[in-house]
Amino acid sequence: MADLDEAIQTAIKRAREAANGRHAERLVHDGPLRQTVIALAQGTSLGEHNAPPAASIHVLRGRLRVTGQDPVELVEGQLEALTHHRHSVEALENSVFLLTTVTSQHDTGSHPQIQL
């Protein structure tokens, strides 16, 4: 089991020490599901890149700007679904976020379907 508070502290420390100003650590890898803690030092960006089939960004510390179809600023505690468009992420201050992605959409049968 991952300790999220510890992962946050470690990630921001390593991002500040890194020459490129960033650090990432995958916490969950379950079939197509991935959850990764990513830290960016203030002013650091993840350049424009393609989005996976499904993704969300949850800001755990700091403030970020996400560009794509509609640029948005996110602060600690906010959760945003990422569009299927190319996007980039910029740290407006030292920041840590949880990136949740689904890398494929095939049904592996590992979890039951819930009818609502």
PDB file of N, CA and C in Angstrom:
ATOM      1  N   MET A   1       0.846  -1.170   0.000  1.00  0.00           N
ATOM      2  CA  MET A   1       0.000   0.000   0.000  1.00  0.00           C
ATOM      3  C   MET A   1       0.898   1.242   0.000  1.00  0.00           C
ATOM      4  N   ALA A   2       0.562   2.202  -0.838  1.00  0.00           N
ATOM      5  CA  ALA A   2       1.335   3.435  -0.938  1.00  0.00           C
ATOM      6  C   ALA A   2       0.896   4.426   0.133  1.00  0.00           C
ATOM      7  N   ASP A   3       1.844   5.141   0.687  1.00  0.00           N
ATOM      8  CA  ASP A   3       1.572   6.223   1.626  1.00  0.00           C
ATOM      9  C   ASP A   3       1.601   7.512   0.821  1.00  0.00           C
ATOM     10  N   LEU A   4       0.440   8.085   0.539  1.00  0.00           N
ATOM     11  CA  LEU A   4       0.339   9.245  -0.339  1.00  0.00           C
ATOM     12  C   LEU A   4       1.053  10.461   0.249  1.00  0.00           C
ATOM     13  N   ASP A   5       0.920  10.702   1.546  1.00  0.00           N
ATOM     14  CA  ASP A   5       1.602  11.850   2.158  1.00  0.00           C
ATOM     15  C   ASP A   5       3.116  11.742   1.996  1.00  0.00           C
ATOM     16  N   GLU A   6       3.646  10.541   2.220  1.00  0.00           N
ATOM     17  CA  GLU A   6       5.089  10.327   2.058  1.00  0.00           C
ATOM     18  C   GLU A   6       5.499  10.502   0.596  1.00  0.00           C
ATOM     19  N   ALA A   7       4.695   9.991  -0.320  1.00  0.00           N
ATOM     20  CA  ALA A   7       4.995  10.129  -1.752  1.00  0.00           C
ATOM     21  C   ALA A   7       5.013  11.601  -2.172  1.00  0.00           C
ATOM     22  N   ILE A   8       4.113  12.407  -1.624  1.00  0.00           N
ATOM     23  CA  ILE A   8       4.066  13.838  -1.938  1.00  0.00           C
ATOM     24  C   ILE A   8       5.345  14.521  -1.475  1.00  0.00           C
ATOM     25  N   GLN A   9       5.736  14.274  -0.228  1.00  0.00           N
ATOM     26  CA  GLN A   9       6.925  14.910   0.335  1.00  0.00           C
ATOM     27  C   GLN A   9       8.182  14.510  -0.439  1.00  0.00           C
ATOM     28  N   THR A  10       8.296  13.229  -0.740  1.00  0.00           N
ATOM     29  CA  THR A  10       9.459  12.735  -1.489  1.00  0.00           C
ATOM     30  C   THR A  10       9.492  13.328  -2.892  1.00  0.00           C
ATOM     31  N   ALA A  11       8.342  13.363  -3.552  1.00  0.00           N
ATOM     32  CA  ALA A  11       8.286  13.845  -4.936  1.00  0.00           C
ATOM     33  C   ALA A  11       8.700  15.311  -5.040  1.00  0.00           C
ATOM     34  N   ILE A  12       8.188  16.164  -4.174  1.00  0.00           N
ATOM     35  CA  ILE A  12       8.524  17.593  -4.288  1.00  0.00           C
ATOM     36  C   ILE A  12       9.992  17.823  -3.924  1.00  0.00           C
ATOM     37  N   LYS A  13      10.511  17.068  -2.954  1.00  0.00           N
ATOM     38  CA  LYS A  13      11.931  17.193  -2.596  1.00  0.00           C
ATOM     39  C   LYS A  13      12.804  16.811  -3.788  1.00  0.00           C
ATOM     40  N   ARG A  14      12.486  15.689  -4.424  1.00  0.00           N
ATOM     41  CA  ARG A  14      13.285  15.236  -5.570  1.00  0.00           C
ATOM     42  C   ARG A  14      13.135  16.155  -6.776  1.00  0.00           C
ATOM     43  N   ALA A  15      11.951  16.709  -6.980  1.00  0.00           N
ATOM     44  CA  ALA A  15      11.759  17.648  -8.098  1.00  0.00           C
ATOM     45  C   ALA A  15      12.613  18.892  -7.900  1.00  0.00           C
ATOM     46  N   ARG A  16      12.663  19.415  -6.677  1.00  0.00           N
ATOM     47  CA  ARG A  16      13.486  20.604  -6.405  1.00  0.00           C
ATOM     48  C   ARG A  16      14.968  20.320  -6.599  1.00  0.00           C
ATOM     49  N   GLU A  17      15.385  19.076  -6.329  1.00  0.00           N
ATOM     50  CA  GLU A  17      16.794  18.703  -6.471  1.00  0.00           C
ATOM     51  C   GLU A  17      17.165  18.336  -7.911  1.00  0.00           C
ATOM     52  N   ALA A  18      16.190  17.973  -8.723  1.00  0.00           N
ATOM     53  CA  ALA A  18      16.457  17.495 -10.082  1.00  0.00           C
ATOM     54  C   ALA A  18      16.790  18.646 -11.028  1.00  0.00           C
ATOM     55  N   ALA A  19      17.710  18.401 -11.925  1.00  0.00           N
ATOM     56  CA  ALA A  19      18.107  19.412 -12.903  1.00  0.00           C
ATOM     57  C   ALA A  19      16.930  19.827 -13.786  1.00  0.00           C
ATOM     58  N   ASN A  20      16.013  18.892 -14.082  1.00  0.00           N
ATOM     59  CA  ASN A  20      14.872  19.226 -14.941  1.00  0.00           C
ATOM     60  C   ASN A  20      13.657  19.704 -14.144  1.00  0.00           C
ATOM     61  N   GLY A  21      13.769  19.751 -12.812  1.00  0.00           N
ATOM     62  CA  GLY A  21      12.705  20.298 -11.976  1.00  0.00           C
ATOM     63  C   GLY A  21      11.474  19.435 -11.848  1.00  0.00           C
ATOM     64  N   ARG A  22      11.601  18.130 -12.091  1.00  0.00           N
ATOM     65  CA  ARG A  22      10.424  17.273 -11.978  1.00  0.00           C
ATOM     66  C   ARG A  22      10.792  15.883 -11.464  1.00  0.00           C
ATOM     67  N   HIS A  23       9.764  15.206 -10.958  1.00  0.00           N
ATOM     68  CA  HIS A  23       9.918  13.843 -10.457  1.00  0.00           C
ATOM     69  C   HIS A  23       8.572  13.135 -10.586  1.00  0.00           C
ATOM     70  N   ALA A  24       8.603  11.862 -10.937  1.00  0.00           N
ATOM     71  CA  ALA A  24       7.375  11.060 -11.044  1.00  0.00           C
ATOM     72  C   ALA A  24       7.594   9.699 -10.419  1.00  0.00           C
ATOM     73  N   GLU A  25       6.546   9.191  -9.772  1.00  0.00           N
ATOM     74  CA  GLU A  25       6.592   7.855  -9.180  1.00  0.00           C
ATOM     75  C   GLU A  25       5.223   7.202  -9.356  1.00  0.00           C
ATOM     76  N   ARG A  26       5.206   6.055 -10.019  1.00  0.00           N
ATOM     77  CA  ARG A  26       3.950   5.321 -10.202  1.00  0.00           C
ATOM     78  C   ARG A  26       3.608   4.617  -8.898  1.00  0.00           C
ATOM     79  N   LEU A  27       2.379   4.840  -8.425  1.00  0.00           N
ATOM     80  CA  LEU A  27       1.919   4.227  -7.184  1.00  0.00           C
ATOM     81  C   LEU A  27       1.018   3.025  -7.433  1.00  0.00           C
ATOM     82  N   VAL A  28       0.239   3.081  -8.518  1.00  0.00           N
ATOM     83  CA  VAL A  28      -0.703   2.009  -8.821  1.00  0.00           C
ATOM     84  C   VAL A  28      -0.542   1.614 -10.281  1.00  0.00           C
ATOM     85  N   HIS A  29      -0.474   0.292 -10.515  1.00  0.00           N
ATOM     86  CA  HIS A  29      -0.458  -0.256 -11.875  1.00  0.00           C
ATOM     87  C   HIS A  29      -1.317  -1.509 -11.818  1.00  0.00           C
ATOM     88  N   ASP A  30      -2.563  -1.379 -12.271  1.00  0.00           N
ATOM     89  CA  ASP A  30      -3.523  -2.477 -12.222  1.00  0.00           C
ATOM     90  C   ASP A  30      -4.181  -2.589 -13.590  1.00  0.00           C
ATOM     91  N   GLY A  31      -3.707  -3.520 -14.410  1.00  0.00           N
ATOM     92  CA  GLY A  31      -4.225  -3.633 -15.775  1.00  0.00           C
ATOM     93  C   GLY A  31      -4.007  -2.318 -16.501  1.00  0.00           C
ATOM     94  N   PRO A  32      -5.064  -1.729 -17.072  1.00  0.00           N
ATOM     95  CA  PRO A  32      -4.914  -0.476 -17.803  1.00  0.00           C
ATOM     96  C   PRO A  32      -4.888   0.765 -16.899  1.00  0.00           C
ATOM     97  N   LEU A  33      -5.124   0.587 -15.591  1.00  0.00           N
ATOM     98  CA  LEU A  33      -5.160   1.714 -14.656  1.00  0.00           C
ATOM     99  C   LEU A  33      -3.765   2.048 -14.154  1.00  0.00           C
ATOM    100  N   ARG A  34      -3.411   3.331 -14.210  1.00  0.00           N
ATOM    101  CA  ARG A  34      -2.145   3.828 -13.672  1.00  0.00           C
ATOM    102  C   ARG A  34      -2.441   5.056 -12.809  1.00  0.00           C
ATOM    103  N   GLN A  35      -1.793   5.144 -11.642  1.00  0.00           N
ATOM    104  CA  GLN A  35      -1.851   6.350 -10.828  1.00  0.00           C
ATOM    105  C   GLN A  35      -0.420   6.725 -10.485  1.00  0.00           C
ATOM    106  N   THR A  36      -0.062   7.946 -10.847  1.00  0.00           N
ATOM    107  CA  THR A  36       1.306   8.416 -10.717  1.00  0.00           C
ATOM    108  C   THR A  36       1.331   9.753  -9.993  1.00  0.00           C
ATOM    109  N   VAL A  37       2.192   9.865  -8.989  1.00  0.00           N
ATOM    110  CA  VAL A  37       2.426  11.146  -8.328  1.00  0.00           C
ATOM    111  C   VAL A  37       3.517  11.854  -9.120  1.00  0.00           C
ATOM    112  N   ILE A  38       3.225  13.089  -9.536  1.00  0.00           N
ATOM    113  CA  ILE A  38       4.176  13.883 -10.307  1.00  0.00           C
ATOM    114  C   ILE A  38       4.385  15.211  -9.587  1.00  0.00           C
ATOM    115  N   ALA A  39       5.637  15.575  -9.410  1.00  0.00           N
ATOM    116  CA  ALA A  39       5.988  16.862  -8.802  1.00  0.00           C
ATOM    117  C   ALA A  39       6.718  17.713  -9.826  1.00  0.00           C
ATOM    118  N   LEU A  40       6.368  18.995  -9.847  1.00  0.00           N
ATOM    119  CA  LEU A  40       7.031  19.966 -10.719  1.00  0.00           C
ATOM    120  C   LEU A  40       7.453  21.158  -9.873  1.00  0.00           C
ATOM    121  N   ALA A  41       8.707  21.555  -9.979  1.00  0.00           N
ATOM    122  CA  ALA A  41       9.175  22.767  -9.314  1.00  0.00           C
ATOM    123  C   ALA A  41       8.569  23.964 -10.041  1.00  0.00           C
ATOM    124  N   GLN A  42       8.395  25.055  -9.329  1.00  0.00           N
ATOM    125  CA  GLN A  42       7.812  26.262  -9.917  1.00  0.00           C
ATOM    126  C   GLN A  42       8.498  26.618 -11.228  1.00  0.00           C
ATOM    127  N   GLY A  43       7.682  26.904 -12.261  1.00  0.00           N
ATOM    128  CA  GLY A  43       8.200  27.294 -13.562  1.00  0.00           C
ATOM    129  C   GLY A  43       8.513  26.129 -14.481  1.00  0.00           C
ATOM    130  N   THR A  44       8.432  24.913 -13.974  1.00  0.00           N
ATOM    131  CA  THR A  44       8.710  23.722 -14.782  1.00  0.00           C
ATOM    132  C   THR A  44       7.450  23.305 -15.524  1.00  0.00           C
ATOM    133  N   SER A  45       7.636  22.784 -16.730  1.00  0.00           N
ATOM    134  CA  SER A  45       6.500  22.339 -17.538  1.00  0.00           C
ATOM    135  C   SER A  45       6.700  20.924 -18.036  1.00  0.00           C
ATOM    136  N   LEU A  46       5.591  20.259 -18.259  1.00  0.00           N
ATOM    137  CA  LEU A  46       5.565  19.042 -19.050  1.00  0.00           C
ATOM    138  C   LEU A  46       5.079  19.513 -20.407  1.00  0.00           C
ATOM    139  N   GLY A  47       5.941  19.461 -21.402  1.00  0.00           N
ATOM    140  CA  GLY A  47       5.604  19.971 -22.725  1.00  0.00           C
ATOM    141  C   GLY A  47       4.375  19.308 -23.307  1.00  0.00           C
ATOM    142  N   GLU A  48       3.860  19.897 -24.359  1.00  0.00           N
ATOM    143  CA  GLU A  48       2.655  19.390 -24.994  1.00  0.00           C
ATOM    144  C   GLU A  48       2.816  17.919 -25.379  1.00  0.00           C
ATOM    145  N   HIS A  49       1.808  17.122 -25.041  1.00  0.00           N
ATOM    146  CA  HIS A  49       1.838  15.686 -25.306  1.00  0.00           C
ATOM    147  C   HIS A  49       0.412  15.181 -25.497  1.00  0.00           C
ATOM    148  N   ASN A  50       0.295  13.987 -26.068  1.00  0.00           N
ATOM    149  CA  ASN A  50      -1.015  13.382 -26.291  1.00  0.00           C
ATOM    150  C   ASN A  50      -1.588  12.852 -24.988  1.00  0.00           C
ATOM    151  N   ALA A  51      -2.898  12.857 -24.900  1.00  0.00           N
ATOM    152  CA  ALA A  51      -3.586  12.314 -23.735  1.00  0.00           C
ATOM    153  C   ALA A  51      -3.873  10.832 -23.955  1.00  0.00           C
ATOM    154  N   PRO A  52      -3.862  10.033 -22.888  1.00  0.00           N
ATOM    155  CA  PRO A  52      -4.275   8.627 -23.008  1.00  0.00           C
ATOM    156  C   PRO A  52      -5.796   8.569 -23.219  1.00  0.00           C
ATOM    157  N   PRO A  53      -6.355   7.388 -23.425  1.00  0.00           N
ATOM    158  CA  PRO A  53      -7.801   7.281 -23.650  1.00  0.00           C
ATOM    159  C   PRO A  53      -8.651   7.928 -22.554  1.00  0.00           C
ATOM    160  N   ALA A  54      -8.210   7.870 -21.304  1.00  0.00           N
ATOM    161  CA  ALA A  54      -8.915   8.512 -20.201  1.00  0.00           C
ATOM    162  C   ALA A  54      -7.893   8.935 -19.159  1.00  0.00           C
ATOM    163  N   ALA A  55      -8.063  10.150 -18.619  1.00  0.00           N
ATOM    164  CA  ALA A  55      -7.107  10.645 -17.629  1.00  0.00           C
ATOM    165  C   ALA A  55      -7.732  11.748 -16.788  1.00  0.00           C
ATOM    166  N   SER A  56      -7.227  11.854 -15.554  1.00  0.00           N
ATOM    167  CA  SER A  56      -7.598  12.981 -14.695  1.00  0.00           C
ATOM    168  C   SER A  56      -6.366  13.449 -13.949  1.00  0.00           C
ATOM    169  N   ILE A  57      -6.429  14.698 -13.509  1.00  0.00           N
ATOM    170  CA  ILE A  57      -5.343  15.297 -12.743  1.00  0.00           C
ATOM    171  C   ILE A  57      -5.957  15.844 -11.450  1.00  0.00           C
ATOM    172  N   HIS A  58      -5.377  15.459 -10.310  1.00  0.00           N
ATOM    173  CA  HIS A  58      -5.835  15.901  -8.994  1.00  0.00           C
ATOM    174  C   HIS A  58      -4.666  16.630  -8.335  1.00  0.00           C
ATOM    175  N   VAL A  59      -4.812  17.912  -8.114  1.00  0.00           N
ATOM    176  CA  VAL A  59      -3.735  18.710  -7.529  1.00  0.00           C
ATOM    177  C   VAL A  59      -3.689  18.456  -6.026  1.00  0.00           C
ATOM    178  N   LEU A  60      -2.548  17.943  -5.568  1.00  0.00           N
ATOM    179  CA  LEU A  60      -2.360  17.626  -4.158  1.00  0.00           C
ATOM    180  C   LEU A  60      -1.673  18.763  -3.413  1.00  0.00           C
ATOM    181  N   ARG A  61      -0.803  19.484  -4.089  1.00  0.00           N
ATOM    182  CA  ARG A  61      -0.099  20.644  -3.526  1.00  0.00           C
ATOM    183  C   ARG A  61       0.161  21.621  -4.656  1.00  0.00           C
ATOM    184  N   GLY A  62       0.057  22.920  -4.376  1.00  0.00           N
ATOM    185  CA  GLY A  62       0.464  23.927  -5.337  1.00  0.00           C
ATOM    186  C   GLY A  62      -0.613  24.389  -6.298  1.00  0.00           C
ATOM    187  N   ARG A  63      -0.143  24.882  -7.449  1.00  0.00           N
ATOM    188  CA  ARG A  63      -1.018  25.480  -8.459  1.00  0.00           C
ATOM    189  C   ARG A  63      -0.441  25.191  -9.835  1.00  0.00           C
ATOM    190  N   LEU A  64      -1.295  24.727 -10.750  1.00  0.00           N
ATOM    191  CA  LEU A  64      -0.888  24.325 -12.091  1.00  0.00           C
ATOM    192  C   LEU A  64      -1.715  25.023 -13.153  1.00  0.00           C
ATOM    193  N   ARG A  65      -1.152  25.141 -14.340  1.00  0.00           N
ATOM    194  CA  ARG A  65      -1.900  25.555 -15.522  1.00  0.00           C
ATOM    195  C   ARG A  65      -1.870  24.383 -16.494  1.00  0.00           C
ATOM    196  N   VAL A  66      -3.044  23.959 -16.938  1.00  0.00           N
ATOM    197  CA  VAL A  66      -3.155  22.884 -17.918  1.00  0.00           C
ATOM    198  C   VAL A  66      -3.694  23.502 -19.199  1.00  0.00           C
ATOM    199  N   THR A  67      -2.941  23.352 -20.279  1.00  0.00           N
ATOM    200  CA  THR A  67      -3.408  23.858 -21.563  1.00  0.00           C
ATOM    201  C   THR A  67      -3.932  22.697 -22.384  1.00  0.00           C
ATOM    202  N   GLY A  68      -4.711  23.004 -23.329  1.00  0.00           N
ATOM    203  CA  GLY A  68      -5.329  22.004 -24.201  1.00  0.00           C
ATOM    204  C   GLY A  68      -6.434  22.708 -24.943  1.00  0.00           C
ATOM    205  N   GLN A  69      -7.588  22.117 -25.011  1.00  0.00           N
ATOM    206  CA  GLN A  69      -8.706  22.761 -25.684  1.00  0.00           C
ATOM    207  C   GLN A  69      -9.088  24.050 -24.958  1.00  0.00           C
ATOM    208  N   ASP A  70      -9.249  23.986 -23.641  1.00  0.00           N
ATOM    209  CA  ASP A  70      -9.560  25.163 -22.826  1.00  0.00           C
ATOM    210  C   ASP A  70      -8.551  25.238 -21.686  1.00  0.00           C
ATOM    211  N   PRO A  71      -7.612  26.200 -21.720  1.00  0.00           N
ATOM    212  CA  PRO A  71      -6.635  26.302 -20.629  1.00  0.00           C
ATOM    213  C   PRO A  71      -7.347  26.510 -19.292  1.00  0.00           C
ATOM    214  N   VAL A  72      -6.810  25.903 -18.233  1.00  0.00           N
ATOM    215  CA  VAL A  72      -7.410  26.010 -16.912  1.00  0.00           C
ATOM    216  C   VAL A  72      -6.303  26.071 -15.867  1.00  0.00           C
ATOM    217  N   GLU A  73      -6.525  26.870 -14.819  1.00  0.00           N
ATOM    218  CA  GLU A  73      -5.635  26.877 -13.664  1.00  0.00           C
ATOM    219  C   GLU A  73      -6.280  26.030 -12.586  1.00  0.00           C
ATOM    220  N   LEU A  74      -5.480  25.164 -11.977  1.00  0.00           N
ATOM    221  CA  LEU A  74      -5.963  24.279 -10.925  1.00  0.00           C
ATOM    222  C   LEU A  74      -5.164  24.516  -9.658  1.00  0.00           C
ATOM    223  N   VAL A  75      -5.843  24.483  -8.517  1.00  0.00           N
ATOM    224  CA  VAL A  75      -5.188  24.663  -7.223  1.00  0.00           C
ATOM    225  C   VAL A  75      -5.405  23.416  -6.377  1.00  0.00           C
ATOM    226  N   GLU A  76      -4.686  23.363  -5.274  1.00  0.00           N
ATOM    227  CA  GLU A  76      -4.734  22.226  -4.362  1.00  0.00           C
ATOM    228  C   GLU A  76      -6.175  21.805  -4.082  1.00  0.00           C
ATOM    229  N   GLY A  77      -6.420  20.507  -4.235  1.00  0.00           N
ATOM    230  CA  GLY A  77      -7.738  19.956  -3.970  1.00  0.00           C
ATOM    231  C   GLY A  77      -8.620  19.822  -5.201  1.00  0.00           C
ATOM    232  N   GLN A  78      -8.271  20.494  -6.296  1.00  0.00           N
ATOM    233  CA  GLN A  78      -9.109  20.426  -7.491  1.00  0.00           C
ATOM    234  C   GLN A  78      -8.770  19.205  -8.337  1.00  0.00           C
ATOM    235  N   LEU A  79      -9.791  18.658  -8.958  1.00  0.00           N
ATOM    236  CA  LEU A  79      -9.701  17.485  -9.801  1.00  0.00           C
ATOM    237  C   LEU A  79     -10.291  17.838 -11.150  1.00  0.00           C
ATOM    238  N   GLU A  80      -9.584  17.486 -12.220  1.00  0.00           N
ATOM    239  CA  GLU A  80     -10.010  17.847 -13.572  1.00  0.00           C
ATOM    240  C   GLU A  80      -9.784  16.664 -14.509  1.00  0.00           C
ATOM    241  N   ALA A  81     -10.790  16.343 -15.306  1.00  0.00           N
ATOM    242  CA  ALA A  81     -10.608  15.346 -16.359  1.00  0.00           C
ATOM    243  C   ALA A  81      -9.799  15.995 -17.472  1.00  0.00           C
ATOM    244  N   LEU A  82      -8.860  15.258 -18.028  1.00  0.00           N
ATOM    245  CA  LEU A  82      -8.073  15.779 -19.140  1.00  0.00           C
ATOM    246  C   LEU A  82      -8.787  15.452 -20.442  1.00  0.00           C
ATOM    247  N   THR A  83      -8.780  16.398 -21.356  1.00  0.00           N
ATOM    248  CA  THR A  83      -9.440  16.191 -22.641  1.00  0.00           C
ATOM    249  C   THR A  83      -8.624  15.216 -23.483  1.00  0.00           C
ATOM    250  N   HIS A  84      -9.179  14.815 -24.580  1.00  0.00           N
ATOM    251  CA  HIS A  84      -8.493  13.902 -25.496  1.00  0.00           C
ATOM    252  C   HIS A  84      -7.620  14.677 -26.479  1.00  0.00           C
ATOM    253  N   HIS A  85      -7.356  15.938 -26.165  1.00  0.00           N
ATOM    254  CA  HIS A  85      -6.524  16.787 -27.006  1.00  0.00           C
ATOM    255  C   HIS A  85      -5.110  16.847 -26.434  1.00  0.00           C
ATOM    256  N   ARG A  86      -4.171  17.219 -27.277  1.00  0.00           N
ATOM    257  CA  ARG A  86      -2.815  17.446 -26.782  1.00  0.00           C
ATOM    258  C   ARG A  86      -2.876  18.517 -25.702  1.00  0.00           C
ATOM    259  N   HIS A  87      -2.033  18.379 -24.690  1.00  0.00           N
ATOM    260  CA  HIS A  87      -2.045  19.335 -23.592  1.00  0.00           C
ATOM    261  C   HIS A  87      -0.649  19.439 -22.977  1.00  0.00           C
ATOM    262  N   SER A  88      -0.473  20.453 -22.159  1.00  0.00           N
ATOM    263  CA  SER A  88       0.754  20.610 -21.391  1.00  0.00           C
ATOM    264  C   SER A  88       0.373  20.994 -19.967  1.00  0.00           C
ATOM    265  N   VAL A  89       1.330  20.843 -19.046  1.00  0.00           N
ATOM    266  CA  VAL A  89       1.106  21.174 -17.640  1.00  0.00           C
ATOM    267  C   VAL A  89       2.269  22.039 -17.180  1.00  0.00           C
ATOM    268  N   GLU A  90       1.955  23.180 -16.563  1.00  0.00           N
ATOM    269  CA  GLU A  90       2.983  24.098 -16.064  1.00  0.00           C
ATOM    270  C   GLU A  90       2.760  24.346 -14.581  1.00  0.00           C
ATOM    271  N   ALA A  91       3.831  24.278 -13.793  1.00  0.00           N
ATOM    272  CA  ALA A  91       3.746  24.553 -12.358  1.00  0.00           C
ATOM    273  C   ALA A  91       3.872  26.051 -12.130  1.00  0.00           C
ATOM    274  N   LEU A  92       2.820  26.673 -11.613  1.00  0.00           N
ATOM    275  CA  LEU A  92       2.836  28.097 -11.297  1.00  0.00           C
ATOM    276  C   LEU A  92       3.484  28.339  -9.937  1.00  0.00           C
ATOM    277  N   GLU A  93       3.602  27.270  -9.156  1.00  0.00           N
ATOM    278  CA  GLU A  93       4.373  27.238  -7.908  1.00  0.00           C
ATOM    279  C   GLU A  93       4.786  25.786  -7.713  1.00  0.00           C
ATOM    280  N   ASN A  94       5.636  25.498  -6.739  1.00  0.00           N
ATOM    281  CA  ASN A  94       6.008  24.101  -6.495  1.00  0.00           C
ATOM    282  C   ASN A  94       4.720  23.290  -6.330  1.00  0.00           C
ATOM    283  N   SER A  95       4.578  22.226  -7.116  1.00  0.00           N
ATOM    284  CA  SER A  95       3.305  21.509  -7.178  1.00  0.00           C
ATOM    285  C   SER A  95       3.494  20.004  -7.249  1.00  0.00           C
ATOM    286  N   VAL A  96       2.489  19.296  -6.723  1.00  0.00           N
ATOM    287  CA  VAL A  96       2.427  17.846  -6.808  1.00  0.00           C
ATOM    288  C   VAL A  96       1.003  17.493  -7.212  1.00  0.00           C
ATOM    289  N   PHE A  97       0.884  16.553  -8.163  1.00  0.00           N
ATOM    290  CA  PHE A  97      -0.445  16.116  -8.565  1.00  0.00           C
ATOM    291  C   PHE A  97      -0.473  14.613  -8.768  1.00  0.00           C
ATOM    292  N   LEU A  98      -1.677  14.074  -8.658  1.00  0.00           N
ATOM    293  CA  LEU A  98      -1.905  12.660  -8.905  1.00  0.00           C
ATOM    294  C   LEU A  98      -2.510  12.546 -10.299  1.00  0.00           C
ATOM    295  N   LEU A  99      -1.790  11.890 -11.186  1.00  0.00           N
ATOM    296  CA  LEU A  99      -2.266  11.649 -12.539  1.00  0.00           C
ATOM    297  C   LEU A  99      -2.836  10.236 -12.584  1.00  0.00           C
ATOM    298  N   THR A 100      -4.113  10.134 -12.917  1.00  0.00           N
ATOM    299  CA  THR A 100      -4.769   8.846 -13.070  1.00  0.00           C
ATOM    300  C   THR A 100      -5.044   8.646 -14.548  1.00  0.00           C
ATOM    301  N   THR A 101      -4.593   7.520 -15.090  1.00  0.00           N
ATOM    302  CA  THR A 101      -4.797   7.239 -16.517  1.00  0.00           C
ATOM    303  C   THR A 101      -5.324   5.835 -16.715  1.00  0.00           C
ATOM    304  N   VAL A 102      -6.039   5.684 -17.809  1.00  0.00           N
ATOM    305  CA  VAL A 102      -6.447   4.368 -18.300  1.00  0.00           C
ATOM    306  C   VAL A 102      -5.812   4.257 -19.672  1.00  0.00           C
ATOM    307  N   THR A 103      -4.933   3.277 -19.825  1.00  0.00           N
ATOM    308  CA  THR A 103      -4.128   3.196 -21.042  1.00  0.00           C
ATOM    309  C   THR A 103      -4.790   2.420 -22.159  1.00  0.00           C
ATOM    310  N   SER A 104      -5.863   1.703 -21.849  1.00  0.00           N
ATOM    311  CA  SER A 104      -6.634   1.025 -22.888  1.00  0.00           C
ATOM    312  C   SER A 104      -8.061   0.914 -22.392  1.00  0.00           C
ATOM    313  N   GLN A 105      -8.961   0.621 -23.292  1.00  0.00           N
ATOM    314  CA  GLN A 105     -10.359   0.573 -22.884  1.00  0.00           C
ATOM    315  C   GLN A 105     -10.975  -0.807 -23.017  1.00  0.00           C
ATOM    316  N   HIS A 106     -10.159  -1.834 -23.252  1.00  0.00           N
ATOM    317  CA  HIS A 106     -10.725  -3.176 -23.359  1.00  0.00           C
ATOM    318  C   HIS A 106     -11.130  -3.683 -21.976  1.00  0.00           C
ATOM    319  N   ASP A 107     -12.178  -4.470 -21.917  1.00  0.00           N
ATOM    320  CA  ASP A 107     -12.672  -5.024 -20.663  1.00  0.00           C
ATOM    321  C   ASP A 107     -11.883  -6.288 -20.327  1.00  0.00           C
ATOM    322  N   THR A 108     -11.139  -6.233 -19.215  1.00  0.00           N
ATOM    323  CA  THR A 108     -10.337  -7.389 -18.814  1.00  0.00           C
ATOM    324  C   THR A 108     -11.121  -8.342 -17.936  1.00  0.00           C
ATOM    325  N   GLY A 109     -12.305  -7.914 -17.520  1.00  0.00           N
ATOM    326  CA  GLY A 109     -13.122  -8.771 -16.669  1.00  0.00           C
ATOM    327  C   GLY A 109     -12.645  -8.838 -15.235  1.00  0.00           C
ATOM    328  N   SER A 110     -11.703  -7.989 -14.845  1.00  0.00           N
ATOM    329  CA  SER A 110     -11.160  -8.053 -13.491  1.00  0.00           C
ATOM    330  C   SER A 110     -12.091  -7.427 -12.459  1.00  0.00           C
ATOM    331  N   HIS A 111     -13.022  -6.593 -12.906  1.00  0.00           N
ATOM    332  CA  HIS A 111     -13.965  -5.962 -11.988  1.00  0.00           C
ATOM    333  C   HIS A 111     -15.365  -6.113 -12.569  1.00  0.00           C
ATOM    334  N   PRO A 112     -16.355  -6.397 -11.743  1.00  0.00           N
ATOM    335  CA  PRO A 112     -17.713  -6.576 -12.245  1.00  0.00           C
ATOM    336  C   PRO A 112     -18.287  -5.264 -12.777  1.00  0.00           C
ATOM    337  N   GLN A 113     -19.151  -5.361 -13.744  1.00  0.00           N
ATOM    338  CA  GLN A 113     -19.855  -4.203 -14.276  1.00  0.00           C
ATOM    339  C   GLN A 113     -20.944  -3.819 -13.284  1.00  0.00           C
ATOM    340  N   ILE A 114     -21.105  -2.542 -13.021  1.00  0.00           N
ATOM    341  CA  ILE A 114     -22.133  -2.060 -12.097  1.00  0.00           C
ATOM    342  C   ILE A 114     -23.235  -1.423 -12.931  1.00  0.00           C
ATOM    343  N   GLN A 115     -24.446  -1.875 -12.736  1.00  0.00           N
ATOM    344  CA  GLN A 115     -25.600  -1.312 -13.429  1.00  0.00           C
ATOM    345  C   GLN A 115     -26.202  -0.223 -12.539  1.00  0.00           C
ATOM    346  N   LEU A 116     -26.346   0.966 -13.083  1.00  0.00           N
ATOM    347  CA  LEU A 116     -26.956   2.074 -12.317  1.00  0.00           C
ATOM    348  C   LEU A 116     -28.322   2.378 -12.838  1.00  0.00           C
TER     349      LEU A 116
END
